[in-house]
Structures are given as structure tokens and as C-alpha cells.
Protein backbone atom coordinates (compact mmCIF):
# COMPACT_ATOMS: atom_id res chain seq x y z
CA UNK A 1 -22.93 28.16 7.85
CA UNK A 2 -24.32 25.35 10.05
CA UNK A 3 -22.41 22.04 10.12
CA UNK A 4 -23.78 19.16 8.01
CA UNK A 5 -26.26 16.67 9.43
CA UNK A 6 -24.19 13.93 11.17
CA UNK A 7 -27.15 11.51 10.93
CA UNK A 8 -28.38 11.20 7.34
CA UNK A 9 -31.47 9.07 6.74
CA UNK A 10 -29.26 6.39 5.16
CA UNK A 11 -27.91 5.48 8.62
CA UNK A 12 -31.39 4.79 9.94
CA UNK A 13 -32.15 2.67 6.88
CA UNK A 14 -29.05 0.60 7.63
CA UNK A 15 -30.27 0.05 11.19
CA UNK A 16 -33.70 -1.08 9.96
CA UNK A 17 -32.13 -3.50 7.49
CA UNK A 18 -29.96 -4.86 10.33
CA UNK A 19 -33.10 -6.01 12.12
CA UNK A 20 -34.30 -7.87 9.02
CA UNK A 21 -30.89 -9.51 8.51
CA UNK A 22 -30.67 -10.52 12.19
CA UNK A 23 -34.11 -12.16 12.07
CA UNK A 24 -33.21 -14.05 8.86
CA UNK A 25 -29.93 -15.30 10.34
CA UNK A 26 -31.67 -16.39 13.54
CA UNK A 27 -34.23 -18.39 11.55
CA UNK A 28 -31.50 -20.17 9.57
CA UNK A 29 -29.53 -21.02 12.72
CA UNK A 30 -32.58 -22.33 14.57
CA UNK A 31 -33.32 -24.67 11.67
CA UNK A 32 -29.71 -25.90 11.70
CA UNK A 33 -29.89 -26.54 15.45
CA UNK A 34 -33.21 -28.41 15.22
CA UNK A 35 -31.81 -30.66 12.50
CA UNK A 36 -28.71 -31.60 14.54
CA UNK A 37 -29.46 -31.17 18.24
CA UNK A 38 -25.97 -29.71 18.60
CA UNK A 39 -25.30 -27.75 21.79
CA UNK A 40 -22.72 -25.62 19.94
CA UNK A 41 -25.24 -24.75 17.23
CA UNK A 42 -27.81 -24.01 19.94
CA UNK A 43 -25.35 -21.63 21.59
CA UNK A 44 -24.74 -20.02 18.21
CA UNK A 45 -28.50 -19.52 17.74
CA UNK A 46 -28.79 -17.99 21.21
CA UNK A 47 -26.22 -15.38 20.28
CA UNK A 48 -28.30 -14.56 17.21
CA UNK A 49 -31.26 -13.80 19.49
CA UNK A 50 -29.00 -11.21 21.09
CA UNK A 51 -28.23 -9.91 17.59
CA UNK A 52 -31.93 -9.26 16.98
CA UNK A 53 -32.32 -7.42 20.28
CA UNK A 54 -29.25 -5.29 19.74
CA UNK A 55 -30.24 -4.48 16.15
CA UNK A 56 -33.55 -3.14 17.47
CA UNK A 57 -31.70 -1.20 20.20
CA UNK A 58 -29.30 0.31 17.62
CA UNK A 59 -32.23 1.36 15.44
CA UNK A 60 -34.00 3.05 18.36
CA UNK A 61 -30.74 4.71 19.44
CA UNK A 62 -30.11 6.15 15.99
CA UNK A 63 -33.69 7.41 15.78
CA UNK A 64 -33.21 9.27 19.07
CA UNK A 65 -29.67 10.44 18.27
CA UNK A 66 -30.91 12.15 15.08
CA UNK A 67 -33.01 14.59 17.09
CA UNK A 68 -31.65 18.12 16.94
CA UNK A 69 -30.21 19.83 20.00
CA UNK A 70 -32.77 21.42 22.30
CA UNK A 71 -32.85 23.43 25.53
CA UNK A 72 -32.42 20.31 27.68
CA UNK A 73 -29.77 18.76 25.43
CA UNK A 74 -27.82 21.70 23.95
CA UNK A 75 -25.00 19.42 22.76
CA UNK A 76 -27.36 17.04 20.96
CA UNK A 77 -28.51 13.48 21.63
CA UNK A 78 -25.60 11.57 20.09
CA UNK A 79 -24.46 9.87 23.30
CA UNK A 80 -27.49 7.60 23.29
CA UNK A 81 -25.54 5.57 20.72
CA UNK A 82 -22.98 4.71 23.39
CA UNK A 83 -25.77 3.54 25.70
CA UNK A 84 -27.00 1.28 22.93
CA UNK A 85 -23.52 -0.17 22.46
CA UNK A 86 -23.13 -0.76 26.23
CA UNK A 87 -26.47 -2.59 26.20
CA UNK A 88 -25.21 -4.70 23.32
CA UNK A 89 -22.06 -5.61 25.26
CA UNK A 90 -24.10 -6.52 28.34
CA UNK A 91 -26.45 -8.74 26.31
CA UNK A 92 -23.44 -10.48 24.75
CA UNK A 93 -22.34 -11.34 28.30
CA UNK A 94 -25.82 -12.68 29.10
CA UNK A 95 -25.71 -14.89 26.01
CA UNK A 96 -22.29 -16.18 27.09
CA UNK A 97 -23.68 -17.17 30.51
CA UNK A 98 -26.55 -19.06 28.86
CA UNK A 99 -24.13 -20.92 26.61
CA UNK A 100 -22.00 -21.97 29.60
CA UNK A 101 -25.02 -23.43 31.38
CA UNK A 102 -26.05 -25.45 28.33
CA UNK A 103 -22.50 -26.62 27.66
CA UNK A 104 -22.00 -27.80 31.24
CA UNK A 105 -25.27 -29.76 31.03
CA UNK A 106 -24.09 -31.37 27.79
CA UNK A 107 -20.76 -32.30 29.37
CA UNK A 108 -22.61 -34.11 32.16
CA UNK A 109 -24.96 -35.84 29.70
CA UNK A 110 -23.14 -36.00 26.32
CA UNK A 111 -25.23 -36.70 23.23
CA UNK A 112 -23.75 -37.46 19.82
CA UNK A 113 -24.94 -34.67 17.47
CA UNK A 114 -26.60 -35.53 14.18
CA UNK A 115 -24.80 -34.02 11.20
CA UNK A 116 -26.68 -33.56 7.95
CA UNK A 117 -25.68 -31.68 4.78
CA UNK A 118 -28.95 -29.73 4.97
CA UNK A 119 -28.22 -28.50 8.50
CA UNK A 120 -24.68 -27.50 7.56
CA UNK A 121 -26.07 -25.70 4.52
CA UNK A 122 -28.43 -23.62 6.66
CA UNK A 123 -25.60 -22.72 9.03
CA UNK A 124 -23.21 -21.79 6.23
CA UNK A 125 -25.90 -19.62 4.61
CA UNK A 126 -26.46 -17.81 7.91
CA UNK A 127 -22.71 -17.26 8.29
CA UNK A 128 -22.32 -15.88 4.78
CA UNK A 129 -25.23 -13.46 5.27
CA UNK A 130 -23.82 -12.36 8.62
CA UNK A 131 -20.33 -11.83 7.23
CA UNK A 132 -21.43 -9.73 4.28
CA UNK A 133 -23.71 -7.55 6.40
CA UNK A 134 -21.11 -7.20 9.19
CA UNK A 135 -18.53 -5.82 6.75
CA UNK A 136 -21.12 -3.42 5.37
CA UNK A 137 -22.04 -2.17 8.86
CA UNK A 138 -18.43 -1.78 10.01
CA UNK A 139 -17.47 0.12 6.87
CA UNK A 140 -20.45 2.48 7.09
CA UNK A 141 -20.23 2.76 10.89
CA UNK A 142 -16.60 3.88 10.70
CA UNK A 143 -17.23 6.27 7.83
CA UNK A 144 -20.13 7.93 9.66
CA UNK A 145 -18.53 7.42 13.12
CA UNK A 146 -21.63 5.72 14.48
CA UNK A 147 -20.78 3.70 17.64
CA UNK A 148 -24.08 1.82 17.50
CA UNK A 149 -23.67 0.64 13.90
CA UNK A 150 -19.99 -0.20 14.24
CA UNK A 151 -20.59 -2.16 17.46
CA UNK A 152 -23.38 -4.06 15.74
CA UNK A 153 -21.04 -4.86 12.84
CA UNK A 154 -18.24 -6.10 15.11
CA UNK A 155 -20.72 -8.22 17.02
CA UNK A 156 -21.92 -9.84 13.81
CA UNK A 157 -18.34 -10.42 12.68
CA UNK A 158 -17.61 -12.20 15.96
CA UNK A 159 -20.70 -14.27 15.26
CA UNK A 160 -19.15 -15.30 11.92
CA UNK A 161 -15.99 -16.48 13.69
CA UNK A 162 -18.10 -18.26 16.31
CA UNK A 163 -20.16 -20.14 13.74
CA UNK A 164 -17.03 -21.19 11.87
CA UNK A 165 -15.62 -22.67 15.06
CA UNK A 166 -18.92 -24.35 15.89
CA UNK A 167 -19.10 -26.03 12.48
CA UNK A 168 -15.52 -27.24 12.81
CA UNK A 169 -16.21 -28.72 16.25
CA UNK A 170 -19.43 -30.31 15.07
CA UNK A 171 -17.57 -31.98 12.22
CA UNK A 172 -14.88 -33.24 14.60
CA UNK A 173 -17.47 -34.63 17.04
CA UNK A 174 -19.18 -36.47 14.19
CA UNK A 175 -15.94 -37.72 12.58
CA UNK A 176 -14.29 -38.90 15.81
CA UNK A 177 -17.39 -40.11 17.62
CA UNK A 178 -16.48 -37.96 20.64
CA UNK A 179 -19.66 -36.04 21.57
CA UNK A 180 -17.79 -34.10 24.27
CA UNK A 181 -16.09 -32.08 21.54
CA UNK A 182 -19.41 -30.34 20.86
CA UNK A 183 -19.94 -28.79 24.34
CA UNK A 184 -16.21 -28.20 24.78
CA UNK A 185 -16.20 -26.12 21.63
CA UNK A 186 -19.27 -24.28 22.90
CA UNK A 187 -17.22 -23.27 25.96
CA UNK A 188 -14.38 -22.10 23.72
CA UNK A 189 -16.91 -20.07 21.75
CA UNK A 190 -18.05 -18.50 25.01
CA UNK A 191 -14.55 -17.17 25.71
CA UNK A 192 -14.56 -15.43 22.33
CA UNK A 193 -18.03 -13.99 22.95
CA UNK A 194 -16.97 -12.59 26.35
CA UNK A 195 -13.92 -10.88 24.84
CA UNK A 196 -16.09 -9.35 22.13
CA UNK A 197 -18.63 -8.15 24.70
CA UNK A 198 -15.95 -6.49 26.79
CA UNK A 199 -14.45 -4.82 23.71
CA UNK A 200 -17.84 -3.30 22.84
CA UNK A 201 -18.41 -2.11 26.42
CA UNK A 202 -14.91 -0.66 26.73
CA UNK A 203 -15.22 1.35 23.52
CA UNK A 204 -18.60 2.71 24.54
CA UNK A 205 -17.44 3.73 28.01
CA UNK A 206 -14.63 5.73 26.40
CA UNK A 207 -17.26 7.82 24.62
CA UNK A 208 -19.47 8.17 27.67
CA UNK A 209 -16.48 9.32 29.76
CA UNK A 210 -15.47 11.92 27.15
CA UNK A 211 -12.04 10.53 26.34
CA UNK A 212 -9.98 12.78 24.09
CA UNK A 213 -9.56 11.85 20.43
CA UNK A 214 -6.49 9.81 19.48
CA UNK A 215 -3.10 11.53 19.72
CA UNK A 216 -2.62 11.33 15.95
CA UNK A 217 -5.87 13.20 15.40
CA UNK A 218 -4.94 15.78 18.06
CA UNK A 219 -1.74 16.48 16.14
CA UNK A 220 -3.69 16.76 12.90
CA UNK A 221 -6.02 19.33 14.50
CA UNK A 222 -3.05 21.43 15.64
CA UNK A 223 -1.58 21.19 12.16
CA UNK A 224 -4.82 22.44 10.57
CA UNK A 225 -4.96 25.36 13.03
CA UNK A 226 -1.34 26.21 12.27
CA UNK A 227 -1.96 26.32 8.51
CA UNK A 228 -5.19 28.31 8.67
CA UNK A 229 -4.64 30.75 11.57
CA UNK A 230 -2.38 33.22 9.76
CA UNK A 231 -2.32 36.38 11.87
CA UNK A 232 -2.76 34.58 15.20
CA UNK A 233 0.20 34.08 17.55
CA UNK A 234 -0.45 30.91 19.55
CA UNK A 235 -2.88 28.10 20.27
CA UNK A 236 -3.12 26.46 23.69
CA UNK A 237 -5.47 24.53 25.99
CA UNK A 238 -6.74 22.30 23.18
CA UNK A 239 -9.52 20.03 24.47
CA UNK A 240 -11.29 17.40 22.39
CA UNK A 241 -13.95 14.76 22.88
CA UNK A 242 -16.18 12.69 20.67
CA UNK A 243 -19.91 12.11 20.89
CA UNK A 244 -21.00 9.63 18.23
CA UNK A 245 -20.21 11.16 14.82
CA UNK A 246 -19.58 14.61 16.31
CA UNK A 247 -16.11 15.78 17.41
CA UNK A 248 -16.05 18.66 19.88
CA UNK A 249 -12.93 20.84 19.58
CA UNK A 250 -12.19 23.68 22.00
CA UNK A 251 -9.04 25.80 22.24
CA UNK A 252 -7.67 29.25 23.05
CA UNK A 253 -6.25 31.36 20.25
CA UNK A 254 -3.81 34.18 21.08
CA UNK A 255 -4.16 37.32 18.93
CA UNK A 256 -2.02 40.48 18.78
CA UNK A 257 -3.21 42.94 21.42
CA UNK A 258 -3.97 45.68 18.88
CA UNK A 259 -6.00 43.46 16.53
CA UNK A 260 -9.64 44.47 16.07
CA UNK A 261 -12.52 42.19 16.97
CA UNK A 262 -13.51 42.09 13.29
CA UNK A 263 -10.07 40.84 12.20
CA UNK A 264 -10.00 38.25 14.99
CA UNK A 265 -13.40 37.04 13.87
CA UNK A 266 -12.17 36.64 10.29
CA UNK A 267 -9.28 34.45 11.49
CA UNK A 268 -11.59 32.34 13.67
CA UNK A 269 -13.98 31.82 10.77
CA UNK A 270 -11.09 30.70 8.57
CA UNK A 271 -9.86 28.22 11.22
CA UNK A 272 -13.34 26.82 11.76
CA UNK A 273 -13.83 26.30 8.03
CA UNK A 274 -10.48 24.51 7.73
CA UNK A 275 -11.26 22.23 10.69
CA UNK A 276 -14.66 21.33 9.22
CA UNK A 277 -12.97 20.50 5.93
CA UNK A 278 -10.87 18.02 7.91
CA UNK A 279 -13.74 16.78 10.08
CA UNK A 280 -17.20 17.55 8.72
CA UNK A 281 -18.89 16.66 12.03
CA UNK A 282 -16.80 19.01 14.15
CA UNK A 283 -18.29 21.42 16.69
CA UNK A 284 -15.70 24.12 17.36
CA UNK A 285 -15.36 26.63 20.19
CA UNK A 286 -12.55 29.20 20.03
CA UNK A 287 -11.68 31.47 22.94
CA UNK A 288 -9.77 34.53 21.69
CA UNK A 289 -7.17 36.05 24.06
CA UNK A 290 -4.65 38.93 23.82
CA UNK A 291 -0.93 38.20 23.54
CA UNK A 292 -0.22 38.75 27.25
CA UNK A 293 -2.30 35.61 27.92
CA UNK A 294 0.16 33.39 26.03
CA UNK A 295 1.41 30.29 27.86
CA UNK A 296 4.86 28.68 27.84
CA UNK A 297 3.33 25.32 26.91
CA UNK A 298 1.33 26.83 24.03
CA UNK A 299 1.98 26.06 20.36
CA UNK A 300 3.42 29.11 18.58
CA UNK A 301 1.89 29.97 15.20
CA UNK A 302 3.29 31.76 12.20
């Protein structure tokens, strides 16, 4: 039985909606900036431009990742999601550089920002929309193990934190009459943006470089094999990697030397089924070996 589709149409719909949400948030933030002239709000709006670009990139990546495996890509197209997430991280860094340039200019020529309830209202509305959608993306991205969607969600959540800090600084600049607080806060926001960008890039590089799954999950895989491989003697050389929502699991399974091919196949089928019950996106390769191929470091079964 073939494994289930790791990219249901609902994921692509989420990506399309992300573009619409990003455009709406950008519009709200641009209005807030125009009403105040705040450098911090301008920097916040610039990051939302990046949000629009990355939402489009995530949508394109998911569209490509959904393509079935072919002769040129026998393992599928899932890794394009990691490329999308790396692009997102790089664009976050670009936005940070733009914010620094504007903040430095404002430090040299400080201007007292204009604070109006209407402008604050637009910014708060944008933050609320971002926060709700970010939680939705992170939850669905984790459940479906989509690097592109989860990275997009974390980016939006960092945007929520950024906007909260910007609004606080804007209020302080207005209340104290110290216009320098506005660009200084913009620089503080930049530090947060850079950390978020690096986090996104680091996570994506782990997927591109085929890092093994977490140790806890490795142990869970061995436990599933142990429970379902009745009749086998040992498992060794377990190798794992993740490509988007798909987990690749490869290992050697030691069988009694006098066991028939048919009986070995029955055991392998049972192990594969159990592993897919644990991880529905798993792609499993089992290499069957006779008992004289057992290894001292192997995990004994039975």
C-alpha cells in the first residue's frame, strides 16, 4: 500500500491565504506609518514587505514540493521547502539592514513622531491579524511537518513581538518628548529580526544537510521495530533523515539463516506498517541479512 500524500491540498490553501494576510497586514502598517512618520513603524512596515515576498515564495515552494517523484527526482521534491525557508531567512536579514540604515539616519536627524489613536489602532489591528495567523501556520506547519509554513509562521510571530516593541517605544518617545527613543527602539527591533532570520536559516540548513532526526525519535523508531519485528534477531545501521514532511528510515534487519524469503518479507511488511502507523510520512528501506552478519553494536530483538 503506497504511503499517504504528505502534501494535501489544504496546505497549499494555507499558503495562498498567507499571501492575502501578508498583504492586508502590510497595508495596515503602511497607513500607521504614514499617520505618524515613525521610523520604528516604518521599519515594522518594511519587515511586512518581506512577509509578502516570503509568503509568495512559500506558496510556490509548496506547489513544487507536491509534485510526485520522477526519474530525475526519485526521492521527491520536498527539499524545495528548505530552499524557500533559507530565502525567507536571507530576506529577513536584508530587511534588518534596511532598518539599520533608516534608524541611523533618524539618530542623526531626530524627528518627534506624531502619535494618533487612529494610527495606533491600525498597528494594533495588524498585530492581532498577524498573531492569529502565525499561530495557525505554526500549528499546521508542525502537524504536517512543512518547513516552509512553519518558518513563515515563526517569522510572523516575530513580527508580532517586533510591533509590540515598536508601539511601546513610540509611546515612550511621545510621552517623554525624547525622539531618539524611536530610532533606538528600531535598532533593538533589528537585533530581534536578525536572531529570527538566523534561526530560520539554521533550521533549513539542517534539512538540506540531511541531519538525522532527534535522538528521542530515533529511540522511538527502534522501539517500534522491536515490538513489530517478532522473528527477527537484530537491527543495526539505522540511518534517518527528514525531507519536509517525509522521514526516510533505513536499517539492516538480521534474520535466522534458515528463514525463507517469504517469511522475511512478512516480517518486513509488518515492521513497515508499524513504522507508518507511528509516522505516516515515512519512507522505509530495510536490508535483510543472515544471522552471521550481526554486529556487536546492533540492537538485539526478541
